[in-house]
N, C-alpha and C. Protein backbone atom coordinates (compact mmCIF):
# COMPACT_ATOMS: atom_id res chain seq x y z
N MET A 1 0.84 -1.18 0.00
CA MET A 1 0.00 0.00 0.00
C MET A 1 0.88 1.24 0.00
N THR A 2 0.45 2.24 -0.75
CA THR A 2 1.15 3.53 -0.76
C THR A 2 0.55 4.41 0.31
N LYS A 3 1.42 5.15 0.96
CA LYS A 3 0.99 6.11 1.98
C LYS A 3 1.32 7.51 1.48
N ALA A 4 0.32 8.38 1.48
CA ALA A 4 0.51 9.78 1.13
C ALA A 4 0.30 10.61 2.39
N VAL A 5 1.35 11.27 2.83
CA VAL A 5 1.27 12.14 4.00
C VAL A 5 1.24 13.58 3.50
N LEU A 6 0.19 14.30 3.85
CA LEU A 6 0.08 15.70 3.48
C LEU A 6 0.42 16.53 4.71
N TYR A 7 1.50 17.30 4.59
CA TYR A 7 1.96 18.12 5.71
C TYR A 7 1.15 19.42 5.76
N CYS A 8 0.57 19.72 6.90
CA CYS A 8 -0.28 20.89 7.07
C CYS A 8 0.26 21.79 8.18
N ARG A 9 -0.09 23.06 8.06
CA ARG A 9 0.17 24.02 9.15
C ARG A 9 -0.78 25.19 8.95
N SER A 10 -1.52 25.49 9.99
CA SER A 10 -2.47 26.60 9.97
C SER A 10 -3.43 26.52 8.78
N GLY A 11 -3.89 25.32 8.48
CA GLY A 11 -4.86 25.13 7.41
C GLY A 11 -4.30 25.13 6.01
N GLN A 12 -2.99 25.24 5.86
CA GLN A 12 -2.38 25.23 4.53
C GLN A 12 -1.50 24.00 4.37
N LEU A 13 -1.47 23.47 3.17
CA LEU A 13 -0.57 22.36 2.87
C LEU A 13 0.83 22.91 2.66
N GLN A 14 1.81 22.27 3.32
CA GLN A 14 3.20 22.71 3.24
C GLN A 14 4.05 21.80 2.37
N GLY A 15 3.54 20.63 2.08
CA GLY A 15 4.29 19.67 1.30
C GLY A 15 3.67 18.29 1.44
N PHE A 16 4.40 17.29 0.99
CA PHE A 16 3.87 15.94 1.03
C PHE A 16 4.98 14.91 1.03
N LEU A 17 4.62 13.72 1.42
CA LEU A 17 5.48 12.54 1.34
C LEU A 17 4.64 11.44 0.74
N LEU A 18 5.15 10.81 -0.28
CA LEU A 18 4.50 9.66 -0.89
C LEU A 18 5.49 8.52 -0.79
N GLU A 19 5.06 7.39 -0.21
CA GLU A 19 6.00 6.28 -0.09
C GLU A 19 5.30 4.94 -0.16
N GLY A 20 6.03 3.98 -0.68
CA GLY A 20 5.54 2.63 -0.78
C GLY A 20 4.94 2.36 -2.15
N HIS A 21 4.71 1.09 -2.42
CA HIS A 21 4.14 0.66 -3.69
C HIS A 21 2.69 0.24 -3.47
N ALA A 22 1.84 0.62 -4.37
CA ALA A 22 0.40 0.40 -4.22
C ALA A 22 0.02 -1.08 -4.17
N GLY A 23 0.74 -1.90 -4.92
CA GLY A 23 0.44 -3.33 -4.91
C GLY A 23 -0.81 -3.70 -5.70
N TRP A 24 -1.22 -2.84 -6.62
CA TRP A 24 -2.39 -3.14 -7.43
C TRP A 24 -2.05 -4.14 -8.53
N GLY A 25 -0.86 -4.00 -9.09
CA GLY A 25 -0.41 -4.88 -10.17
C GLY A 25 1.07 -5.14 -10.05
N GLU A 26 1.59 -5.93 -10.97
CA GLU A 26 3.01 -6.25 -10.92
C GLU A 26 3.85 -5.01 -11.24
N SER A 27 5.08 -5.02 -10.78
CA SER A 27 5.97 -3.90 -10.97
C SER A 27 6.08 -3.55 -12.45
N GLY A 28 5.95 -2.28 -12.76
CA GLY A 28 6.00 -1.82 -14.14
C GLY A 28 4.65 -1.80 -14.82
N LYS A 29 3.65 -2.44 -14.23
CA LYS A 29 2.30 -2.47 -14.81
C LYS A 29 1.23 -2.06 -13.80
N ASP A 30 1.66 -1.45 -12.71
CA ASP A 30 0.74 -1.05 -11.65
C ASP A 30 0.18 0.33 -11.97
N ILE A 31 -1.09 0.37 -12.39
CA ILE A 31 -1.68 1.65 -12.81
C ILE A 31 -1.87 2.62 -11.65
N VAL A 32 -2.03 2.10 -10.44
CA VAL A 32 -2.18 2.98 -9.28
C VAL A 32 -0.85 3.68 -8.99
N CYS A 33 0.23 2.91 -8.98
CA CYS A 33 1.56 3.52 -8.77
C CYS A 33 1.88 4.52 -9.87
N SER A 34 1.54 4.18 -11.10
CA SER A 34 1.79 5.10 -12.22
C SER A 34 1.03 6.40 -12.06
N ALA A 35 -0.23 6.30 -11.68
CA ALA A 35 -1.05 7.50 -11.48
C ALA A 35 -0.49 8.35 -10.35
N LEU A 36 -0.14 7.72 -9.24
CA LEU A 36 0.39 8.46 -8.09
C LEU A 36 1.70 9.14 -8.44
N SER A 37 2.55 8.44 -9.16
CA SER A 37 3.82 9.01 -9.58
C SER A 37 3.60 10.21 -10.50
N ALA A 38 2.70 10.08 -11.46
CA ALA A 38 2.43 11.18 -12.39
C ALA A 38 1.87 12.40 -11.65
N ILE A 39 0.95 12.16 -10.73
CA ILE A 39 0.33 13.27 -9.99
C ILE A 39 1.35 14.01 -9.15
N THR A 40 2.16 13.28 -8.39
CA THR A 40 3.11 13.94 -7.50
C THR A 40 4.26 14.60 -8.27
N HIS A 41 4.72 13.96 -9.34
CA HIS A 41 5.78 14.58 -10.14
C HIS A 41 5.28 15.84 -10.85
N MET A 42 4.05 15.80 -11.36
CA MET A 42 3.48 16.98 -12.00
C MET A 42 3.34 18.12 -10.99
N THR A 43 2.92 17.79 -9.78
CA THR A 43 2.79 18.82 -8.74
C THR A 43 4.17 19.42 -8.42
N ALA A 44 5.17 18.57 -8.27
CA ALA A 44 6.52 19.06 -7.96
C ALA A 44 7.07 19.93 -9.09
N ILE A 45 6.87 19.51 -10.33
CA ILE A 45 7.35 20.29 -11.47
C ILE A 45 6.59 21.62 -11.56
N GLY A 46 5.30 21.59 -11.32
CA GLY A 46 4.52 22.82 -11.34
C GLY A 46 5.01 23.82 -10.31
N ILE A 47 5.33 23.31 -9.13
CA ILE A 47 5.80 24.18 -8.04
C ILE A 47 7.20 24.71 -8.30
N THR A 48 8.13 23.81 -8.68
CA THR A 48 9.53 24.21 -8.80
C THR A 48 9.92 24.80 -10.15
N GLU A 49 9.36 24.27 -11.23
CA GLU A 49 9.77 24.70 -12.57
C GLU A 49 8.85 25.77 -13.17
N VAL A 50 7.54 25.58 -13.03
CA VAL A 50 6.61 26.53 -13.64
C VAL A 50 6.44 27.76 -12.76
N MET A 51 6.15 27.55 -11.48
CA MET A 51 5.95 28.67 -10.56
C MET A 51 7.27 29.18 -9.98
N THR A 52 8.32 28.43 -10.15
CA THR A 52 9.67 28.72 -9.61
C THR A 52 9.65 29.07 -8.12
N LEU A 53 8.89 28.27 -7.37
CA LEU A 53 8.86 28.44 -5.91
C LEU A 53 9.98 27.64 -5.29
N ARG A 54 10.37 28.05 -4.09
CA ARG A 54 11.44 27.35 -3.38
C ARG A 54 10.86 26.13 -2.66
N ALA A 55 11.42 24.98 -2.99
CA ALA A 55 10.99 23.74 -2.36
C ALA A 55 12.15 22.76 -2.40
N GLN A 56 12.18 21.91 -1.41
CA GLN A 56 13.16 20.82 -1.40
C GLN A 56 12.42 19.57 -1.82
N VAL A 57 12.95 18.89 -2.82
CA VAL A 57 12.34 17.68 -3.35
C VAL A 57 13.34 16.54 -3.21
N PHE A 58 12.88 15.45 -2.60
CA PHE A 58 13.71 14.26 -2.42
C PHE A 58 12.99 13.09 -3.07
N THR A 59 13.71 12.31 -3.88
CA THR A 59 13.10 11.13 -4.47
C THR A 59 14.01 9.93 -4.30
N GLU A 60 13.40 8.78 -4.08
CA GLU A 60 14.07 7.49 -4.05
C GLU A 60 13.19 6.55 -4.86
N GLU A 61 13.50 6.42 -6.14
CA GLU A 61 12.64 5.67 -7.05
C GLU A 61 12.43 4.22 -6.61
N LYS A 62 13.51 3.53 -6.26
CA LYS A 62 13.37 2.10 -5.90
C LYS A 62 12.50 1.90 -4.67
N ALA A 63 12.57 2.82 -3.74
CA ALA A 63 11.76 2.71 -2.51
C ALA A 63 10.35 3.24 -2.74
N GLY A 64 10.12 3.85 -3.90
CA GLY A 64 8.82 4.44 -4.16
C GLY A 64 8.53 5.60 -3.23
N ARG A 65 9.52 6.48 -3.06
CA ARG A 65 9.39 7.58 -2.10
C ARG A 65 9.68 8.92 -2.77
N MET A 66 8.82 9.89 -2.48
CA MET A 66 9.04 11.26 -2.93
C MET A 66 8.54 12.19 -1.83
N ARG A 67 9.34 13.19 -1.54
CA ARG A 67 8.96 14.16 -0.52
C ARG A 67 9.23 15.56 -1.05
N LEU A 68 8.27 16.44 -0.83
CA LEU A 68 8.41 17.84 -1.22
C LEU A 68 8.06 18.68 -0.02
N ILE A 69 8.92 19.63 0.27
CA ILE A 69 8.69 20.57 1.37
C ILE A 69 8.90 21.97 0.83
N LEU A 70 7.87 22.80 0.96
CA LEU A 70 7.95 24.17 0.48
C LEU A 70 8.66 25.08 1.47
N HIS A 71 9.33 26.07 0.93
CA HIS A 71 9.90 27.13 1.77
C HIS A 71 8.71 27.84 2.41
N PRO A 72 8.80 28.15 3.71
CA PRO A 72 7.66 28.78 4.41
C PRO A 72 7.08 30.01 3.72
N GLU A 73 7.92 30.81 3.07
CA GLU A 73 7.44 32.03 2.41
C GLU A 73 6.67 31.74 1.13
N ASP A 74 6.77 30.52 0.60
CA ASP A 74 6.11 30.17 -0.65
C ASP A 74 4.90 29.25 -0.47
N VAL A 75 4.59 28.90 0.75
CA VAL A 75 3.49 27.96 1.02
C VAL A 75 2.17 28.45 0.43
N SER A 76 1.81 29.68 0.68
CA SER A 76 0.50 30.17 0.22
C SER A 76 0.41 30.21 -1.30
N LYS A 77 1.52 30.43 -1.98
CA LYS A 77 1.52 30.51 -3.44
C LYS A 77 1.27 29.15 -4.11
N ALA A 78 1.55 28.08 -3.40
CA ALA A 78 1.44 26.73 -3.98
C ALA A 78 0.14 26.02 -3.65
N GLN A 79 -0.77 26.68 -2.96
CA GLN A 79 -1.98 26.01 -2.48
C GLN A 79 -2.87 25.44 -3.60
N VAL A 80 -2.97 26.12 -4.72
CA VAL A 80 -3.84 25.62 -5.79
C VAL A 80 -3.33 24.27 -6.29
N LEU A 81 -2.04 24.18 -6.55
CA LEU A 81 -1.48 22.90 -7.02
C LEU A 81 -1.58 21.82 -5.96
N LEU A 82 -1.25 22.15 -4.72
CA LEU A 82 -1.30 21.15 -3.66
C LEU A 82 -2.73 20.70 -3.38
N ARG A 83 -3.70 21.61 -3.42
CA ARG A 83 -5.10 21.23 -3.18
C ARG A 83 -5.63 20.36 -4.33
N ALA A 84 -5.21 20.66 -5.56
CA ALA A 84 -5.62 19.82 -6.69
C ALA A 84 -5.05 18.42 -6.54
N MET A 85 -3.78 18.32 -6.12
CA MET A 85 -3.17 17.02 -5.87
C MET A 85 -3.91 16.29 -4.76
N GLU A 86 -4.25 17.01 -3.70
CA GLU A 86 -4.99 16.43 -2.57
C GLU A 86 -6.31 15.83 -3.03
N LEU A 87 -7.05 16.55 -3.85
CA LEU A 87 -8.33 16.06 -4.35
C LEU A 87 -8.16 14.80 -5.20
N GLU A 88 -7.16 14.80 -6.06
CA GLU A 88 -6.94 13.63 -6.91
C GLU A 88 -6.48 12.43 -6.11
N LEU A 89 -5.65 12.64 -5.10
CA LEU A 89 -5.25 11.53 -4.23
C LEU A 89 -6.47 10.94 -3.53
N GLY A 90 -7.39 11.80 -3.10
CA GLY A 90 -8.62 11.32 -2.47
C GLY A 90 -9.46 10.49 -3.42
N CYS A 91 -9.52 10.89 -4.68
CA CYS A 91 -10.27 10.12 -5.68
C CYS A 91 -9.65 8.75 -5.90
N ILE A 92 -8.33 8.71 -5.98
CA ILE A 92 -7.65 7.42 -6.19
C ILE A 92 -7.83 6.53 -4.98
N ALA A 93 -7.72 7.09 -3.78
CA ALA A 93 -7.92 6.30 -2.55
C ALA A 93 -9.32 5.70 -2.52
N GLU A 94 -10.30 6.45 -3.01
CA GLU A 94 -11.68 5.98 -3.03
C GLU A 94 -11.89 4.90 -4.10
N GLN A 95 -11.28 5.08 -5.26
CA GLN A 95 -11.43 4.14 -6.37
C GLN A 95 -10.66 2.84 -6.16
N TYR A 96 -9.56 2.91 -5.43
CA TYR A 96 -8.70 1.74 -5.22
C TYR A 96 -8.45 1.54 -3.72
N PRO A 97 -9.50 1.21 -2.97
CA PRO A 97 -9.34 1.03 -1.52
C PRO A 97 -8.32 -0.06 -1.22
N GLY A 98 -7.52 0.19 -0.20
CA GLY A 98 -6.49 -0.77 0.17
C GLY A 98 -5.18 -0.60 -0.57
N HIS A 99 -5.12 0.38 -1.48
CA HIS A 99 -3.89 0.60 -2.24
C HIS A 99 -3.27 1.98 -1.98
N LEU A 100 -4.05 2.90 -1.41
CA LEU A 100 -3.55 4.23 -1.08
C LEU A 100 -4.22 4.69 0.20
N ARG A 101 -3.40 5.19 1.09
CA ARG A 101 -3.89 5.75 2.35
C ARG A 101 -3.40 7.19 2.43
N VAL A 102 -4.33 8.14 2.60
CA VAL A 102 -3.98 9.55 2.70
C VAL A 102 -4.05 9.95 4.17
N ILE A 103 -2.95 10.54 4.65
CA ILE A 103 -2.82 10.93 6.06
C ILE A 103 -2.47 12.41 6.11
N TYR A 104 -3.05 13.12 7.05
CA TYR A 104 -2.72 14.53 7.28
C TYR A 104 -1.85 14.62 8.52
N GLU A 105 -0.77 15.36 8.42
CA GLU A 105 0.15 15.53 9.55
C GLU A 105 0.37 17.01 9.80
N GLU A 106 -0.03 17.45 10.97
CA GLU A 106 0.17 18.85 11.35
C GLU A 106 1.64 19.05 11.70
N ARG A 107 2.26 20.05 11.11
CA ARG A 107 3.68 20.31 11.34
C ARG A 107 3.87 21.71 11.90
N ARG A 108 4.86 21.86 12.75
CA ARG A 108 5.18 23.21 13.24
C ARG A 108 5.97 23.95 12.19
N GLU A 109 7.17 23.49 11.92
CA GLU A 109 7.94 24.04 10.82
C GLU A 109 9.02 23.04 10.45
N PHE A 110 9.53 23.17 9.25
CA PHE A 110 10.54 22.23 8.76
C PHE A 110 11.93 22.83 9.00
N LYS A 111 12.76 22.07 9.64
CA LYS A 111 14.10 22.54 10.00
C LYS A 111 15.01 22.71 8.78
N CYS A 112 14.66 22.05 7.66
CA CYS A 112 15.54 22.12 6.50
C CYS A 112 15.61 23.54 5.93
N PHE A 113 14.68 24.42 6.27
CA PHE A 113 14.72 25.79 5.81
C PHE A 113 15.10 26.76 6.91
N SER A 114 15.51 26.25 8.05
CA SER A 114 15.87 27.12 9.18
C SER A 114 17.20 27.81 8.94
């Protein structure tokens, strides 16, 4: 099962962590993993390349892990993309129960930008 952790603070999304493999199909043919990868990578590219916001992005392809943390000053600017990603993750979790779990984690602040 894939776990999507949405980092929140004061009602705003600050970033996300996606980890694990969905287990819907065999490796390389898992449509749930493919969809999740496309959604999170598109969100990261939209934030860092299109909007040119400051964010730290970490990926570990073999582990099926991606984490994005926005710079505190850019959090509000990225809400449209993050909320769209949040909605799509919810749809996938509903369509493929047992393959994606969405968790919200309240965060104080991320030390990587301190």
